[in-house]
All heavy atoms as atom14 arrays in JSON, in Angstrom:
{
  "sequence": "RTMRLPGGPAAFEITAAAVGATGAETNACSWELRLSLELASSDDEAEA",
  "atom14_mask": [
    [1, 1, 1, 1, 1, 1, 1, 1, 1, 1, 1, 0, 0, 0],
    [1, 1, 1, 1, 1, 1, 1, 0, 0, 0, 0, 0, 0, 0],
    [1, 1, 1, 1, 1, 1, 1, 1, 0, 0, 0, 0, 0, 0],
    [1, 1, 1, 1, 1, 1, 1, 1, 1, 1, 1, 0, 0, 0],
    [1, 1, 1, 1, 1, 1, 1, 1, 0, 0, 0, 0, 0, 0],
    [1, 1, 1, 1, 1, 1, 1, 0, 0, 0, 0, 0, 0, 0],
    [1, 1, 1, 1, 0, 0, 0, 0, 0, 0, 0, 0, 0, 0],
    [1, 1, 1, 1, 0, 0, 0, 0, 0, 0, 0, 0, 0, 0],
    [1, 1, 1, 1, 1, 1, 1, 0, 0, 0, 0, 0, 0, 0],
    [1, 1, 1, 1, 1, 0, 0, 0, 0, 0, 0, 0, 0, 0],
    [1, 1, 1, 1, 1, 0, 0, 0, 0, 0, 0, 0, 0, 0],
    [1, 1, 1, 1, 1, 1, 1, 1, 1, 1, 1, 0, 0, 0],
    [1, 1, 1, 1, 1, 1, 1, 1, 1, 0, 0, 0, 0, 0],
    [1, 1, 1, 1, 1, 1, 1, 1, 0, 0, 0, 0, 0, 0],
    [1, 1, 1, 1, 1, 1, 1, 0, 0, 0, 0, 0, 0, 0],
    [1, 1, 1, 1, 1, 0, 0, 0, 0, 0, 0, 0, 0, 0],
    [1, 1, 1, 1, 1, 0, 0, 0, 0, 0, 0, 0, 0, 0],
    [1, 1, 1, 1, 1, 0, 0, 0, 0, 0, 0, 0, 0, 0],
    [1, 1, 1, 1, 1, 1, 1, 0, 0, 0, 0, 0, 0, 0],
    [1, 1, 1, 1, 0, 0, 0, 0, 0, 0, 0, 0, 0, 0],
    [1, 1, 1, 1, 1, 0, 0, 0, 0, 0, 0, 0, 0, 0],
    [1, 1, 1, 1, 1, 1, 1, 0, 0, 0, 0, 0, 0, 0],
    [1, 1, 1, 1, 0, 0, 0, 0, 0, 0, 0, 0, 0, 0],
    [1, 1, 1, 1, 1, 0, 0, 0, 0, 0, 0, 0, 0, 0],
    [1, 1, 1, 1, 1, 1, 1, 1, 1, 0, 0, 0, 0, 0],
    [1, 1, 1, 1, 1, 1, 1, 0, 0, 0, 0, 0, 0, 0],
    [1, 1, 1, 1, 1, 1, 1, 1, 0, 0, 0, 0, 0, 0],
    [1, 1, 1, 1, 1, 0, 0, 0, 0, 0, 0, 0, 0, 0],
    [1, 1, 1, 1, 1, 1, 0, 0, 0, 0, 0, 0, 0, 0],
    [1, 1, 1, 1, 1, 1, 0, 0, 0, 0, 0, 0, 0, 0],
    [1, 1, 1, 1, 1, 1, 1, 1, 1, 1, 1, 1, 1, 1],
    [1, 1, 1, 1, 1, 1, 1, 1, 1, 0, 0, 0, 0, 0],
    [1, 1, 1, 1, 1, 1, 1, 1, 0, 0, 0, 0, 0, 0],
    [1, 1, 1, 1, 1, 1, 1, 1, 1, 1, 1, 0, 0, 0],
    [1, 1, 1, 1, 1, 1, 1, 1, 0, 0, 0, 0, 0, 0],
    [1, 1, 1, 1, 1, 1, 0, 0, 0, 0, 0, 0, 0, 0],
    [1, 1, 1, 1, 1, 1, 1, 1, 0, 0, 0, 0, 0, 0],
    [1, 1, 1, 1, 1, 1, 1, 1, 1, 0, 0, 0, 0, 0],
    [1, 1, 1, 1, 1, 1, 1, 1, 0, 0, 0, 0, 0, 0],
    [1, 1, 1, 1, 1, 0, 0, 0, 0, 0, 0, 0, 0, 0],
    [1, 1, 1, 1, 1, 1, 0, 0, 0, 0, 0, 0, 0, 0],
    [1, 1, 1, 1, 1, 1, 0, 0, 0, 0, 0, 0, 0, 0],
    [1, 1, 1, 1, 1, 1, 1, 1, 0, 0, 0, 0, 0, 0],
    [1, 1, 1, 1, 1, 1, 1, 1, 0, 0, 0, 0, 0, 0],
    [1, 1, 1, 1, 1, 1, 1, 1, 1, 0, 0, 0, 0, 0],
    [1, 1, 1, 1, 1, 0, 0, 0, 0, 0, 0, 0, 0, 0],
    [1, 1, 1, 1, 1, 1, 1, 1, 1, 0, 0, 0, 0, 0],
    [1, 1, 1, 1, 1, 0, 0, 0, 0, 0, 0, 0, 0, 0]
  ],
  "atom14_positions": [
    [[-12.74, -35.61, -90.73], [-12.86, -36.96, -90.2], [-14.3, -37.44, -90.22], [-15.24, -36.64, -90.33], [-12.29, -37.07, -88.8], [-13.08, -36.44, -87.67], [-12.77, -37.16, -86.34], [-13.33, -38.51, -86.36], [-12.9, -39.5, -85.58], [-11.9, -39.31, -84.75], [-13.47, -40.7, -85.63], [0.0, 0.0, 0.0], [0.0, 0.0, 0.0], [0.0, 0.0, 0.0]],
    [[-14.46, -38.75, -90.11], [-15.77, -39.37, -90.02], [-16.14, -39.57, -88.55], [-15.29, -39.54, -87.66], [-15.79, -40.74, -90.72], [-14.82, -41.6, -90.11], [-15.47, -40.58, -92.2], [0.0, 0.0, 0.0], [0.0, 0.0, 0.0], [0.0, 0.0, 0.0], [0.0, 0.0, 0.0], [0.0, 0.0, 0.0], [0.0, 0.0, 0.0], [0.0, 0.0, 0.0]],
    [[-17.42, -39.79, -88.31], [-17.89, -40.08, -86.96], [-19.28, -40.68, -87.04], [-19.94, -40.64, -88.09], [-17.92, -38.8, -86.1], [-18.8, -37.71, -86.63], [-18.72, -36.22, -85.57], [-19.62, -35.04, -86.61], [0.0, 0.0, 0.0], [0.0, 0.0, 0.0], [0.0, 0.0, 0.0], [0.0, 0.0, 0.0], [0.0, 0.0, 0.0], [0.0, 0.0, 0.0]],
    [[-19.72, -41.24, -85.93], [-21.07, -41.78, -85.84], [-21.94, -40.82, -85.03], [-21.55, -40.41, -83.93], [-21.07, -43.15, -85.18], [-20.4, -44.24, -86.02], [-20.43, -45.59, -85.3], [-19.85, -46.64, -86.13], [-18.55, -46.91, -86.2], [-17.69, -46.2, -85.46], [-18.1, -47.88, -86.98], [0.0, 0.0, 0.0], [0.0, 0.0, 0.0], [0.0, 0.0, 0.0]],
    [[-23.1, -40.49, -85.56], [-24.06, -39.64, -84.87], [-25.38, -40.39, -84.72], [-25.57, -41.43, -85.38], [-24.27, -38.34, -85.66], [-23.07, -37.38, -85.71], [-23.34, -36.24, -86.68], [-22.75, -36.84, -84.33], [0.0, 0.0, 0.0], [0.0, 0.0, 0.0], [0.0, 0.0, 0.0], [0.0, 0.0, 0.0], [0.0, 0.0, 0.0], [0.0, 0.0, 0.0]],
    [[-26.29, -39.92, -83.89], [-27.55, -40.64, -83.69], [-28.3, -40.93, -84.99], [-28.92, -41.98, -85.14], [-28.35, -39.7, -82.78], [-27.29, -38.99, -81.99], [-26.17, -38.78, -82.94], [0.0, 0.0, 0.0], [0.0, 0.0, 0.0], [0.0, 0.0, 0.0], [0.0, 0.0, 0.0], [0.0, 0.0, 0.0], [0.0, 0.0, 0.0], [0.0, 0.0, 0.0]],
    [[-28.22, -39.99, -85.95], [-28.94, -40.17, -87.21], [-28.21, -40.96, -88.25], [-28.74, -41.19, -89.34], [0.0, 0.0, 0.0], [0.0, 0.0, 0.0], [0.0, 0.0, 0.0], [0.0, 0.0, 0.0], [0.0, 0.0, 0.0], [0.0, 0.0, 0.0], [0.0, 0.0, 0.0], [0.0, 0.0, 0.0], [0.0, 0.0, 0.0], [0.0, 0.0, 0.0]],
    [[-26.98, -41.4, -87.95], [-26.22, -42.2, -88.91], [-24.8, -41.71, -89.08], [-24.38, -40.72, -88.45], [0.0, 0.0, 0.0], [0.0, 0.0, 0.0], [0.0, 0.0, 0.0], [0.0, 0.0, 0.0], [0.0, 0.0, 0.0], [0.0, 0.0, 0.0], [0.0, 0.0, 0.0], [0.0, 0.0, 0.0], [0.0, 0.0, 0.0], [0.0, 0.0, 0.0]],
    [[-24.02, -42.38, -89.91], [-22.63, -41.97, -90.15], [-22.58, -40.54, -90.7], [-23.46, -40.1, -91.44], [-22.14, -42.98, -91.19], [-23.04, -44.16, -91.02], [-24.38, -43.6, -90.66], [0.0, 0.0, 0.0], [0.0, 0.0, 0.0], [0.0, 0.0, 0.0], [0.0, 0.0, 0.0], [0.0, 0.0, 0.0], [0.0, 0.0, 0.0], [0.0, 0.0, 0.0]],
    [[-21.51, -39.83, -90.33], [-21.37, -38.43, -90.73], [-19.89, -38.1, -90.86], [-19.01, -38.91, -90.53], [-22.04, -37.51, -89.71], [0.0, 0.0, 0.0], [0.0, 0.0, 0.0], [0.0, 0.0, 0.0], [0.0, 0.0, 0.0], [0.0, 0.0, 0.0], [0.0, 0.0, 0.0], [0.0, 0.0, 0.0], [0.0, 0.0, 0.0], [0.0, 0.0, 0.0]],
    [[-19.63, -36.91, -91.36], [-18.24, -36.45, -91.48], [-18.24, -34.93, -91.38], [-19.27, -34.27, -91.55], [-17.62, -36.91, -92.8], [0.0, 0.0, 0.0], [0.0, 0.0, 0.0], [0.0, 0.0, 0.0], [0.0, 0.0, 0.0], [0.0, 0.0, 0.0], [0.0, 0.0, 0.0], [0.0, 0.0, 0.0], [0.0, 0.0, 0.0], [0.0, 0.0, 0.0]],
    [[-17.06, -34.4, -91.11], [-16.92, -32.95, -91.09], [-15.53, -32.57, -91.6], [-14.6, -33.38, -91.61], [-17.13, -32.38, -89.68], [-16.11, -32.8, -88.66], [-14.87, -32.15, -88.57], [-16.36, -33.83, -87.78], [-13.93, -32.54, -87.63], [-15.42, -34.22, -86.83], [-14.2, -33.57, -86.76], [0.0, 0.0, 0.0], [0.0, 0.0, 0.0], [0.0, 0.0, 0.0]],
    [[-15.41, -31.31, -92.01], [-14.12, -30.73, -92.34], [-14.03, -29.35, -91.71], [-14.96, -28.55, -91.81], [-13.92, -30.6, -93.85], [-12.55, -30.05, -94.22], [-12.34, -29.95, -95.72], [-13.05, -29.14, -96.36], [-11.47, -30.67, -96.25], [0.0, 0.0, 0.0], [0.0, 0.0, 0.0], [0.0, 0.0, 0.0], [0.0, 0.0, 0.0], [0.0, 0.0, 0.0]],
    [[-12.89, -29.1, -91.03], [-12.63, -27.8, -90.41], [-11.54, -27.12, -91.22], [-10.54, -27.76, -91.58], [-12.12, -27.95, -88.97], [-13.02, -28.88, -88.16], [-12.01, -26.59, -88.29], [-12.32, -29.45, -86.94], [0.0, 0.0, 0.0], [0.0, 0.0, 0.0], [0.0, 0.0, 0.0], [0.0, 0.0, 0.0], [0.0, 0.0, 0.0], [0.0, 0.0, 0.0]],
    [[-11.7, -25.83, -91.51], [-10.64, -25.05, -92.11], [-10.3, -23.89, -91.18], [-11.17, -23.33, -90.52], [-11.03, -24.5, -93.49], [-12.18, -23.64, -93.36], [-11.35, -25.62, -94.45], [0.0, 0.0, 0.0], [0.0, 0.0, 0.0], [0.0, 0.0, 0.0], [0.0, 0.0, 0.0], [0.0, 0.0, 0.0], [0.0, 0.0, 0.0], [0.0, 0.0, 0.0]],
    [[-9.01, -23.56, -91.13], [-8.54, -22.44, -90.33], [-7.68, -21.55, -91.22], [-6.66, -22.0, -91.75], [-7.72, -22.94, -89.14], [0.0, 0.0, 0.0], [0.0, 0.0, 0.0], [0.0, 0.0, 0.0], [0.0, 0.0, 0.0], [0.0, 0.0, 0.0], [0.0, 0.0, 0.0], [0.0, 0.0, 0.0], [0.0, 0.0, 0.0], [0.0, 0.0, 0.0]],
    [[-8.1, -20.31, -91.39], [-7.38, -19.36, -92.22], [-6.87, -18.23, -91.33], [-7.62, -17.65, -90.54], [-8.28, -18.8, -93.32], [0.0, 0.0, 0.0], [0.0, 0.0, 0.0], [0.0, 0.0, 0.0], [0.0, 0.0, 0.0], [0.0, 0.0, 0.0], [0.0, 0.0, 0.0], [0.0, 0.0, 0.0], [0.0, 0.0, 0.0], [0.0, 0.0, 0.0]],
    [[-5.58, -17.92, -91.46], [-4.99, -16.86, -90.66], [-5.47, -15.49, -91.13], [-5.57, -15.23, -92.33], [-3.47, -16.93, -90.75], [0.0, 0.0, 0.0], [0.0, 0.0, 0.0], [0.0, 0.0, 0.0], [0.0, 0.0, 0.0], [0.0, 0.0, 0.0], [0.0, 0.0, 0.0], [0.0, 0.0, 0.0], [0.0, 0.0, 0.0], [0.0, 0.0, 0.0]],
    [[-5.77, -14.65, -90.16], [-6.21, -13.28, -90.45], [-5.21, -12.32, -89.82], [-5.02, -12.32, -88.6], [-7.62, -13.01, -89.87], [-8.05, -11.58, -90.16], [-8.62, -14.01, -90.43], [0.0, 0.0, 0.0], [0.0, 0.0, 0.0], [0.0, 0.0, 0.0], [0.0, 0.0, 0.0], [0.0, 0.0, 0.0], [0.0, 0.0, 0.0], [0.0, 0.0, 0.0]],
    [[-4.54, -11.55, -90.63], [-3.58, -10.58, -90.11], [-2.21, -11.14, -89.86], [-1.38, -10.51, -89.2], [0.0, 0.0, 0.0], [0.0, 0.0, 0.0], [0.0, 0.0, 0.0], [0.0, 0.0, 0.0], [0.0, 0.0, 0.0], [0.0, 0.0, 0.0], [0.0, 0.0, 0.0], [0.0, 0.0, 0.0], [0.0, 0.0, 0.0], [0.0, 0.0, 0.0]],
    [[-1.9, -12.33, -90.41], [-0.58, -12.92, -90.21], [0.4, -12.37, -91.22], [0.05, -12.06, -92.35], [-0.65, -14.44, -90.36], [0.0, 0.0, 0.0], [0.0, 0.0, 0.0], [0.0, 0.0, 0.0], [0.0, 0.0, 0.0], [0.0, 0.0, 0.0], [0.0, 0.0, 0.0], [0.0, 0.0, 0.0], [0.0, 0.0, 0.0], [0.0, 0.0, 0.0]],
    [[1.65, -12.27, -90.81], [2.72, -11.87, -91.72], [3.83, -12.9, -91.59], [4.36, -13.14, -90.52], [3.28, -10.48, -91.37], [3.74, -10.48, -90.02], [2.22, -9.41, -91.54], [0.0, 0.0, 0.0], [0.0, 0.0, 0.0], [0.0, 0.0, 0.0], [0.0, 0.0, 0.0], [0.0, 0.0, 0.0], [0.0, 0.0, 0.0], [0.0, 0.0, 0.0]],
    [[4.16, -13.56, -92.71], [5.21, -14.57, -92.68], [4.84, -15.7, -91.75], [3.78, -16.29, -91.85], [0.0, 0.0, 0.0], [0.0, 0.0, 0.0], [0.0, 0.0, 0.0], [0.0, 0.0, 0.0], [0.0, 0.0, 0.0], [0.0, 0.0, 0.0], [0.0, 0.0, 0.0], [0.0, 0.0, 0.0], [0.0, 0.0, 0.0], [0.0, 0.0, 0.0]],
    [[5.74, -16.02, -90.82], [5.53, -17.15, -89.91], [4.88, -16.74, -88.6], [4.78, -17.53, -87.68], [6.88, -17.82, -89.62], [0.0, 0.0, 0.0], [0.0, 0.0, 0.0], [0.0, 0.0, 0.0], [0.0, 0.0, 0.0], [0.0, 0.0, 0.0], [0.0, 0.0, 0.0], [0.0, 0.0, 0.0], [0.0, 0.0, 0.0], [0.0, 0.0, 0.0]],
    [[4.39, -15.49, -88.51], [3.86, -15.0, -87.24], [2.43, -15.47, -87.02], [1.53, -14.68, -86.72], [3.94, -13.47, -87.21], [5.38, -12.94, -87.25], [5.4, -11.43, -87.3], [4.31, -10.82, -87.27], [6.49, -10.85, -87.36], [0.0, 0.0, 0.0], [0.0, 0.0, 0.0], [0.0, 0.0, 0.0], [0.0, 0.0, 0.0], [0.0, 0.0, 0.0]],
    [[2.21, -16.77, -87.2], [0.85, -17.28, -87.13], [0.3, -17.34, -85.72], [-0.91, -17.41, -85.52], [0.78, -18.68, -87.77], [1.81, -19.48, -87.21], [0.95, -18.58, -89.27], [0.0, 0.0, 0.0], [0.0, 0.0, 0.0], [0.0, 0.0, 0.0], [0.0, 0.0, 0.0], [0.0, 0.0, 0.0], [0.0, 0.0, 0.0], [0.0, 0.0, 0.0]],
    [[1.15, -17.35, -84.71], [0.65, -17.36, -83.33], [0.27, -15.97, -82.86], [-0.27, -15.81, -81.76], [1.71, -17.95, -82.39], [1.67, -19.47, -82.42], [0.61, -20.05, -82.56], [2.82, -20.1, -82.3], [0.0, 0.0, 0.0], [0.0, 0.0, 0.0], [0.0, 0.0, 0.0], [0.0, 0.0, 0.0], [0.0, 0.0, 0.0], [0.0, 0.0, 0.0]],
    [[0.6, -14.94, -83.67], [0.26, -13.57, -83.28], [-0.95, -13.06, -84.04], [-1.27, -11.89, -83.97], [1.46, -12.66, -83.53], [0.0, 0.0, 0.0], [0.0, 0.0, 0.0], [0.0, 0.0, 0.0], [0.0, 0.0, 0.0], [0.0, 0.0, 0.0], [0.0, 0.0, 0.0], [0.0, 0.0, 0.0], [0.0, 0.0, 0.0], [0.0, 0.0, 0.0]],
    [[-1.62, -13.94, -84.78], [-2.74, -13.51, -85.6], [-4.04, -14.1, -85.08], [-4.07, -14.9, -84.15], [-2.52, -13.94, -87.05], [-2.65, -15.73, -87.28], [0.0, 0.0, 0.0], [0.0, 0.0, 0.0], [0.0, 0.0, 0.0], [0.0, 0.0, 0.0], [0.0, 0.0, 0.0], [0.0, 0.0, 0.0], [0.0, 0.0, 0.0], [0.0, 0.0, 0.0]],
    [[-5.12, -13.67, -85.71], [-6.43, -14.27, -85.43], [-6.67, -15.37, -86.47], [-6.02, -15.43, -87.51], [-7.52, -13.21, -85.53], [-7.33, -12.21, -84.55], [0.0, 0.0, 0.0], [0.0, 0.0, 0.0], [0.0, 0.0, 0.0], [0.0, 0.0, 0.0], [0.0, 0.0, 0.0], [0.0, 0.0, 0.0], [0.0, 0.0, 0.0], [0.0, 0.0, 0.0]],
    [[-7.62, -16.23, -86.14], [-7.93, -17.33, -87.05], [-9.43, -17.35, -87.34], [-10.24, -17.19, -86.44], [-7.51, -18.67, -86.44], [-6.04, -18.81, -86.38], [-5.2, -18.42, -85.37], [-5.2, -19.36, -87.39], [-3.91, -18.7, -85.69], [-3.88, -19.28, -86.93], [-5.44, -19.93, -88.65], [-2.79, -19.74, -87.68], [-4.36, -20.39, -89.39], [-3.06, -20.28, -88.9]],
    [[-9.73, -17.53, -88.6], [-11.13, -17.67, -89.02], [-11.38, -19.15, -89.25], [-10.76, -19.79, -90.11], [-11.38, -16.9, -90.31], [-12.82, -16.97, -90.79], [-13.03, -16.19, -92.07], [-12.78, -16.75, -93.16], [-13.41, -15.01, -91.97], [0.0, 0.0, 0.0], [0.0, 0.0, 0.0], [0.0, 0.0, 0.0], [0.0, 0.0, 0.0], [0.0, 0.0, 0.0]],
    [[-12.27, -19.71, -88.46], [-12.58, -21.14, -88.53], [-13.93, -21.35, -89.18], [-14.91, -20.66, -88.86], [-12.6, -21.75, -87.12], [-11.32, -21.66, -86.29], [-11.54, -22.32, -84.93], [-10.16, -22.31, -87.0], [0.0, 0.0, 0.0], [0.0, 0.0, 0.0], [0.0, 0.0, 0.0], [0.0, 0.0, 0.0], [0.0, 0.0, 0.0], [0.0, 0.0, 0.0]],
    [[-13.97, -22.32, -90.07], [-15.24, -22.7, -90.7], [-15.38, -24.21, -90.64], [-14.4, -24.96, -90.72], [-15.32, -22.23, -92.14], [-15.47, -20.72, -92.28], [-16.01, -20.34, -93.65], [-17.33, -20.88, -93.9], [-18.47, -20.3, -93.48], [-18.44, -19.18, -92.78], [-19.63, -20.86, -93.77], [0.0, 0.0, 0.0], [0.0, 0.0, 0.0], [0.0, 0.0, 0.0]],
    [[-16.62, -24.64, -90.49], [-16.95, -26.05, -90.37], [-17.91, -26.44, -91.48], [-18.92, -25.76, -91.71], [-17.59, -26.33, -89.01], [-18.23, -27.7, -88.79], [-17.16, -28.79, -88.82], [-18.99, -27.72, -87.47], [0.0, 0.0, 0.0], [0.0, 0.0, 0.0], [0.0, 0.0, 0.0], [0.0, 0.0, 0.0], [0.0, 0.0, 0.0], [0.0, 0.0, 0.0]],
    [[-17.6, -27.51, -92.18], [-18.52, -28.1, -93.16], [-18.94, -29.46, -92.63], [-18.08, -30.28, -92.25], [-17.86, -28.24, -94.53], [-17.51, -26.98, -95.06], [0.0, 0.0, 0.0], [0.0, 0.0, 0.0], [0.0, 0.0, 0.0], [0.0, 0.0, 0.0], [0.0, 0.0, 0.0], [0.0, 0.0, 0.0], [0.0, 0.0, 0.0], [0.0, 0.0, 0.0]],
    [[-20.24, -29.7, -92.6], [-20.79, -30.94, -92.07], [-21.42, -31.77, -93.18], [-22.11, -31.23, -94.05], [-21.85, -30.64, -91.02], [-21.4, -29.91, -89.76], [-22.61, -29.52, -88.93], [-20.46, -30.79, -88.94], [0.0, 0.0, 0.0], [0.0, 0.0, 0.0], [0.0, 0.0, 0.0], [0.0, 0.0, 0.0], [0.0, 0.0, 0.0], [0.0, 0.0, 0.0]],
    [[-21.21, -33.06, -93.12], [-21.84, -34.01, -94.03], [-22.69, -34.94, -93.15], [-22.15, -35.76, -92.4], [-20.74, -34.8, -94.75], [-21.21, -35.66, -95.88], [-20.01, -36.2, -96.65], [-19.23, -36.99, -96.06], [-19.84, -35.82, -97.81], [0.0, 0.0, 0.0], [0.0, 0.0, 0.0], [0.0, 0.0, 0.0], [0.0, 0.0, 0.0], [0.0, 0.0, 0.0]],
    [[-24.01, -34.74, -93.2], [-24.89, -35.39, -92.23], [-25.89, -36.32, -92.9], [-26.42, -36.01, -93.97], [-25.67, -34.32, -91.46], [-24.85, -33.28, -90.69], [-25.76, -32.21, -90.12], [-24.04, -33.96, -89.58], [0.0, 0.0, 0.0], [0.0, 0.0, 0.0], [0.0, 0.0, 0.0], [0.0, 0.0, 0.0], [0.0, 0.0, 0.0], [0.0, 0.0, 0.0]],
    [[-26.15, -37.45, -92.25], [-27.21, -38.34, -92.7], [-28.57, -37.79, -92.31], [-29.58, -38.05, -92.96], [-27.02, -39.73, -92.11], [0.0, 0.0, 0.0], [0.0, 0.0, 0.0], [0.0, 0.0, 0.0], [0.0, 0.0, 0.0], [0.0, 0.0, 0.0], [0.0, 0.0, 0.0], [0.0, 0.0, 0.0], [0.0, 0.0, 0.0], [0.0, 0.0, 0.0]],
    [[-28.62, -37.0, -91.22], [-29.87, -36.42, -90.73], [-29.6, -34.99, -90.27], [-28.65, -34.74, -89.52], [-30.43, -37.24, -89.58], [-31.51, -36.57, -88.94], [0.0, 0.0, 0.0], [0.0, 0.0, 0.0], [0.0, 0.0, 0.0], [0.0, 0.0, 0.0], [0.0, 0.0, 0.0], [0.0, 0.0, 0.0], [0.0, 0.0, 0.0], [0.0, 0.0, 0.0]],
    [[-30.45, -34.06, -90.69], [-30.3, -32.67, -90.26], [-30.5, -32.52, -88.76], [-30.03, -31.54, -88.16], [-31.29, -31.78, -91.01], [-32.63, -32.19, -90.77], [0.0, 0.0, 0.0], [0.0, 0.0, 0.0], [0.0, 0.0, 0.0], [0.0, 0.0, 0.0], [0.0, 0.0, 0.0], [0.0, 0.0, 0.0], [0.0, 0.0, 0.0], [0.0, 0.0, 0.0]],
    [[-31.14, -33.49, -88.13], [-31.34, -33.43, -86.68], [-30.01, -33.54, -85.92], [-29.96, -33.22, -84.72], [-32.27, -34.57, -86.22], [-33.7, -34.39, -86.7], [-34.06, -33.25, -87.07], [-34.44, -35.38, -86.73], [0.0, 0.0, 0.0], [0.0, 0.0, 0.0], [0.0, 0.0, 0.0], [0.0, 0.0, 0.0], [0.0, 0.0, 0.0], [0.0, 0.0, 0.0]],
    [[-28.96, -33.99, -86.59], [-27.67, -34.18, -85.93], [-26.79, -32.93, -85.96], [-25.67, -32.96, -85.43], [-26.9, -35.32, -86.61], [-27.47, -36.69, -86.3], [-28.1, -36.83, -85.23], [-27.3, -37.61, -87.13], [0.0, 0.0, 0.0], [0.0, 0.0, 0.0], [0.0, 0.0, 0.0], [0.0, 0.0, 0.0], [0.0, 0.0, 0.0], [0.0, 0.0, 0.0]],
    [[-27.27, -31.85, -86.56], [-26.39, -30.69, -86.75], [-25.87, -30.13, -85.42], [-24.66, -29.87, -85.27], [-27.14, -29.59, -87.51], [-26.27, -28.37, -87.77], [-26.98, -27.31, -88.61], [-27.99, -27.64, -89.28], [-26.53, -26.14, -88.59], [0.0, 0.0, 0.0], [0.0, 0.0, 0.0], [0.0, 0.0, 0.0], [0.0, 0.0, 0.0], [0.0, 0.0, 0.0]],
    [[-26.75, -29.94, -84.45], [-26.32, -29.35, -83.18], [-25.31, -30.26, -82.47], [-24.3, -29.78, -81.94], [-27.53, -29.11, -82.28], [0.0, 0.0, 0.0], [0.0, 0.0, 0.0], [0.0, 0.0, 0.0], [0.0, 0.0, 0.0], [0.0, 0.0, 0.0], [0.0, 0.0, 0.0], [0.0, 0.0, 0.0], [0.0, 0.0, 0.0], [0.0, 0.0, 0.0]],
    [[-25.56, -31.57, -82.49], [-24.63, -32.5, -81.85], [-23.28, -32.48, -82.55], [-22.22, -32.5, -81.9], [-25.21, -33.92, -81.88], [-24.26, -35.02, -81.41], [-23.86, -34.9, -79.95], [-24.53, -34.17, -79.2], [-22.87, -35.55, -79.56], [0.0, 0.0, 0.0], [0.0, 0.0, 0.0], [0.0, 0.0, 0.0], [0.0, 0.0, 0.0], [0.0, 0.0, 0.0]],
    [[-23.28, -32.42, -83.88], [-22.02, -32.38, -84.63], [-21.23, -31.12, -84.3], [-20.01, -31.18, -84.08], [-22.3, -32.45, -86.13], [0.0, 0.0, 0.0], [0.0, 0.0, 0.0], [0.0, 0.0, 0.0], [0.0, 0.0, 0.0], [0.0, 0.0, 0.0], [0.0, 0.0, 0.0], [0.0, 0.0, 0.0], [0.0, 0.0, 0.0], [0.0, 0.0, 0.0]]
  ]
}
């Protein structure tokens, strides 16, 4: 999604990959989350 930050318009994407899941047992597994940020200013990283 997009958002407004102090340094200007920005966006991010979150991915969630199941770790140790079998079939549909996704609530019984762990999840590896990663965030990609698209920033107008590097000063906005912590806020994002």
